[in-house]
């Protein structure tokens, strides 16, 4: 979003960015998540929601379909809700408990 050169450079060097290192602990994963969330919060707080993105990874995602910080935030909210729903469905298959039942 911000065009941070260090982040852009890391994209070319990290083939397994979504994989945990063997032996990673829950605490390490959550600490890293919190640290990355703090960086994102700072970038969002310092940005105009309607400003165009400073950079887009064409080689990873093709032509831009998100054009502003507002677009990115709405996308993140949508993806988070979707994946939380998937996780809840998986949990329901494990323990059978249902949290929200519409009749």
C-alpha atoms as a PDB file:
ATOM      1  CA  UNK A   1       0.000   0.000   0.000  1.00  0.00           C
ATOM      2  CA  UNK A   2       2.694   2.489   0.966  1.00  0.00           C
ATOM      3  CA  UNK A   3       5.319   1.372  -1.540  1.00  0.00           C
ATOM      4  CA  UNK A   4       7.879   0.549   1.189  1.00  0.00           C
ATOM      5  CA  UNK A   5      10.983  -0.550  -0.778  1.00  0.00           C
ATOM      6  CA  UNK A   6      12.051  -3.083   1.879  1.00  0.00           C
ATOM      7  CA  UNK A   7       8.668  -4.814   1.765  1.00  0.00           C
ATOM      8  CA  UNK A   8       8.640  -4.843  -2.038  1.00  0.00           C
ATOM      9  CA  UNK A   9      12.168  -6.279  -2.152  1.00  0.00           C
ATOM     10  CA  UNK A  10      11.223  -9.029   0.321  1.00  0.00           C
ATOM     11  CA  UNK A  11       8.397 -10.206  -1.951  1.00  0.00           C
ATOM     12  CA  UNK A  12      10.969 -11.493  -4.449  1.00  0.00           C
ATOM     13  CA  UNK A  13      12.990 -13.298  -1.784  1.00  0.00           C
ATOM     14  CA  UNK A  14      10.257 -15.058   0.159  1.00  0.00           C
ATOM     15  CA  UNK A  15       8.774 -18.117  -1.553  1.00  0.00           C
ATOM     16  CA  UNK A  16       7.106 -19.505   1.552  1.00  0.00           C
ATOM     17  CA  UNK A  17       5.925 -16.376   3.361  1.00  0.00           C
ATOM     18  CA  UNK A  18       2.779 -18.115   4.584  1.00  0.00           C
ATOM     19  CA  UNK A  19       4.618 -21.117   6.011  1.00  0.00           C
ATOM     20  CA  UNK A  20       5.689 -21.346   9.629  1.00  0.00           C
ATOM     21  CA  UNK A  21       9.236 -22.290  10.464  1.00  0.00           C
ATOM     22  CA  UNK A  22       9.516 -25.751  11.985  1.00  0.00           C
ATOM     23  CA  UNK A  23       9.205 -25.527  15.746  1.00  0.00           C
ATOM     24  CA  UNK A  24       7.404 -22.168  15.744  1.00  0.00           C
ATOM     25  CA  UNK A  25       5.431 -21.651  18.920  1.00  0.00           C
ATOM     26  CA  UNK A  26       1.933 -20.215  19.211  1.00  0.00           C
ATOM     27  CA  UNK A  27       3.375 -17.282  21.125  1.00  0.00           C
ATOM     28  CA  UNK A  28       5.881 -16.507  18.348  1.00  0.00           C
ATOM     29  CA  UNK A  29       3.162 -16.593  15.706  1.00  0.00           C
ATOM     30  CA  UNK A  30       0.871 -14.321  17.726  1.00  0.00           C
ATOM     31  CA  UNK A  31       3.726 -11.929  18.548  1.00  0.00           C
ATOM     32  CA  UNK A  32       4.593 -11.623  14.844  1.00  0.00           C
ATOM     33  CA  UNK A  33       0.910 -11.112  13.989  1.00  0.00           C
ATOM     34  CA  UNK A  34       0.648  -8.341  16.576  1.00  0.00           C
ATOM     35  CA  UNK A  35       3.820  -6.672  15.285  1.00  0.00           C
ATOM     36  CA  UNK A  36       2.605  -6.781  11.663  1.00  0.00           C
ATOM     37  CA  UNK A  37      -0.812  -5.490  12.767  1.00  0.00           C
ATOM     38  CA  UNK A  38       0.857  -2.540  14.512  1.00  0.00           C
ATOM     39  CA  UNK A  39       2.767  -1.702  11.309  1.00  0.00           C
ATOM     40  CA  UNK A  40      -0.462  -1.880   9.299  1.00  0.00           C
ATOM     41  CA  UNK A  41      -2.308   0.267  11.852  1.00  0.00           C
ATOM     42  CA  UNK A  42       0.421   2.914  11.622  1.00  0.00           C
ATOM     43  CA  UNK A  43       0.335   2.920   7.807  1.00  0.00           C
ATOM     44  CA  UNK A  44      -3.458   3.168   7.739  1.00  0.00           C
ATOM     45  CA  UNK A  45      -3.522   5.940  10.346  1.00  0.00           C
ATOM     46  CA  UNK A  46      -1.026   7.989   8.350  1.00  0.00           C
ATOM     47  CA  UNK A  47      -2.836   7.611   5.027  1.00  0.00           C
ATOM     48  CA  UNK A  48      -5.788   9.195   3.268  1.00  0.00           C
ATOM     49  CA  UNK A  49      -8.378   6.434   2.662  1.00  0.00           C
ATOM     50  CA  UNK A  50      -9.098   7.746  -0.837  1.00  0.00           C
ATOM     51  CA  UNK A  51      -5.499   8.251  -1.950  1.00  0.00           C
ATOM     52  CA  UNK A  52      -4.265   5.943  -4.704  1.00  0.00           C
ATOM     53  CA  UNK A  53      -2.012   3.083  -3.663  1.00  0.00           C
ATOM     54  CA  UNK A  54       1.695   3.866  -3.930  1.00  0.00           C
ATOM     55  CA  UNK A  55       2.482   0.454  -5.439  1.00  0.00           C
ATOM     56  CA  UNK A  56       0.747  -2.657  -6.795  1.00  0.00           C
ATOM     57  CA  UNK A  57       2.378  -6.110  -7.277  1.00  0.00           C
ATOM     58  CA  UNK A  58       1.448  -6.625 -10.947  1.00  0.00           C
ATOM     59  CA  UNK A  59       3.610  -9.750 -11.246  1.00  0.00           C
ATOM     60  CA  UNK A  60       1.744 -11.408  -8.357  1.00  0.00           C
ATOM     61  CA  UNK A  61      -1.833 -10.202  -8.842  1.00  0.00           C
ATOM     62  CA  UNK A  62      -2.116  -8.845 -12.397  1.00  0.00           C
ATOM     63  CA  UNK A  63      -3.732  -5.514 -13.116  1.00  0.00           C
ATOM     64  CA  UNK A  64      -4.875  -3.585 -10.048  1.00  0.00           C
ATOM     65  CA  UNK A  65      -8.392  -4.300  -8.870  1.00  0.00           C
ATOM     66  CA  UNK A  66      -7.891  -2.341  -5.657  1.00  0.00           C
ATOM     67  CA  UNK A  67      -7.095   1.311  -6.202  1.00  0.00           C
ATOM     68  CA  UNK A  68      -7.251   3.075  -2.834  1.00  0.00           C
ATOM     69  CA  UNK A  69      -6.593   2.355   0.820  1.00  0.00           C
ATOM     70  CA  UNK A  70     -10.369   2.197   1.278  1.00  0.00           C
ATOM     71  CA  UNK A  71     -10.540  -0.574  -1.361  1.00  0.00           C
ATOM     72  CA  UNK A  72      -7.775  -2.490   0.422  1.00  0.00           C
ATOM     73  CA  UNK A  73      -9.437  -2.167   3.831  1.00  0.00           C
ATOM     74  CA  UNK A  74     -12.801  -3.334   2.500  1.00  0.00           C
ATOM     75  CA  UNK A  75     -11.049  -6.272   0.820  1.00  0.00           C
ATOM     76  CA  UNK A  76      -9.291  -7.208   4.074  1.00  0.00           C
ATOM     77  CA  UNK A  77     -12.575  -7.027   6.016  1.00  0.00           C
ATOM     78  CA  UNK A  78     -14.300  -9.227   3.419  1.00  0.00           C
ATOM     79  CA  UNK A  79     -11.468 -11.782   3.355  1.00  0.00           C
ATOM     80  CA  UNK A  80     -11.280 -11.871   7.157  1.00  0.00           C
ATOM     81  CA  UNK A  81     -15.028 -12.493   7.446  1.00  0.00           C
ATOM     82  CA  UNK A  82     -14.895 -15.182   4.776  1.00  0.00           C
ATOM     83  CA  UNK A  83     -11.984 -17.047   6.349  1.00  0.00           C
ATOM     84  CA  UNK A  84     -13.452 -16.690   9.834  1.00  0.00           C
ATOM     85  CA  UNK A  85     -16.576 -18.344   8.463  1.00  0.00           C
ATOM     86  CA  UNK A  86     -14.502 -21.181   7.029  1.00  0.00           C
ATOM     87  CA  UNK A  87     -12.759 -21.630  10.359  1.00  0.00           C
ATOM     88  CA  UNK A  88     -16.082 -21.646  12.200  1.00  0.00           C
ATOM     89  CA  UNK A  89     -17.444 -24.298   9.812  1.00  0.00           C
ATOM     90  CA  UNK A  90     -14.352 -26.462  10.410  1.00  0.00           C
ATOM     91  CA  UNK A  91     -14.702 -26.022  14.163  1.00  0.00           C
ATOM     92  CA  UNK A  92     -18.375 -26.982  13.942  1.00  0.00           C
ATOM     93  CA  UNK A  93     -17.432 -30.188  12.133  1.00  0.00           C
ATOM     94  CA  UNK A  94     -15.066 -31.006  14.990  1.00  0.00           C
ATOM     95  CA  UNK A  95     -17.254 -30.308  18.021  1.00  0.00           C
ATOM     96  CA  UNK A  96     -20.783 -30.021  16.612  1.00  0.00           C
ATOM     97  CA  UNK A  97     -21.536 -26.737  18.395  1.00  0.00           C
ATOM     98  CA  UNK A  98     -23.316 -24.079  16.366  1.00  0.00           C
ATOM     99  CA  UNK A  99     -23.030 -20.431  17.386  1.00  0.00           C
ATOM    100  CA  UNK A 100     -25.610 -18.799  15.154  1.00  0.00           C
ATOM    101  CA  UNK A 101     -28.621 -20.764  13.967  1.00  0.00           C
ATOM    102  CA  UNK A 102     -31.245 -19.002  11.868  1.00  0.00           C
ATOM    103  CA  UNK A 103     -34.628 -20.683  11.774  1.00  0.00           C
END
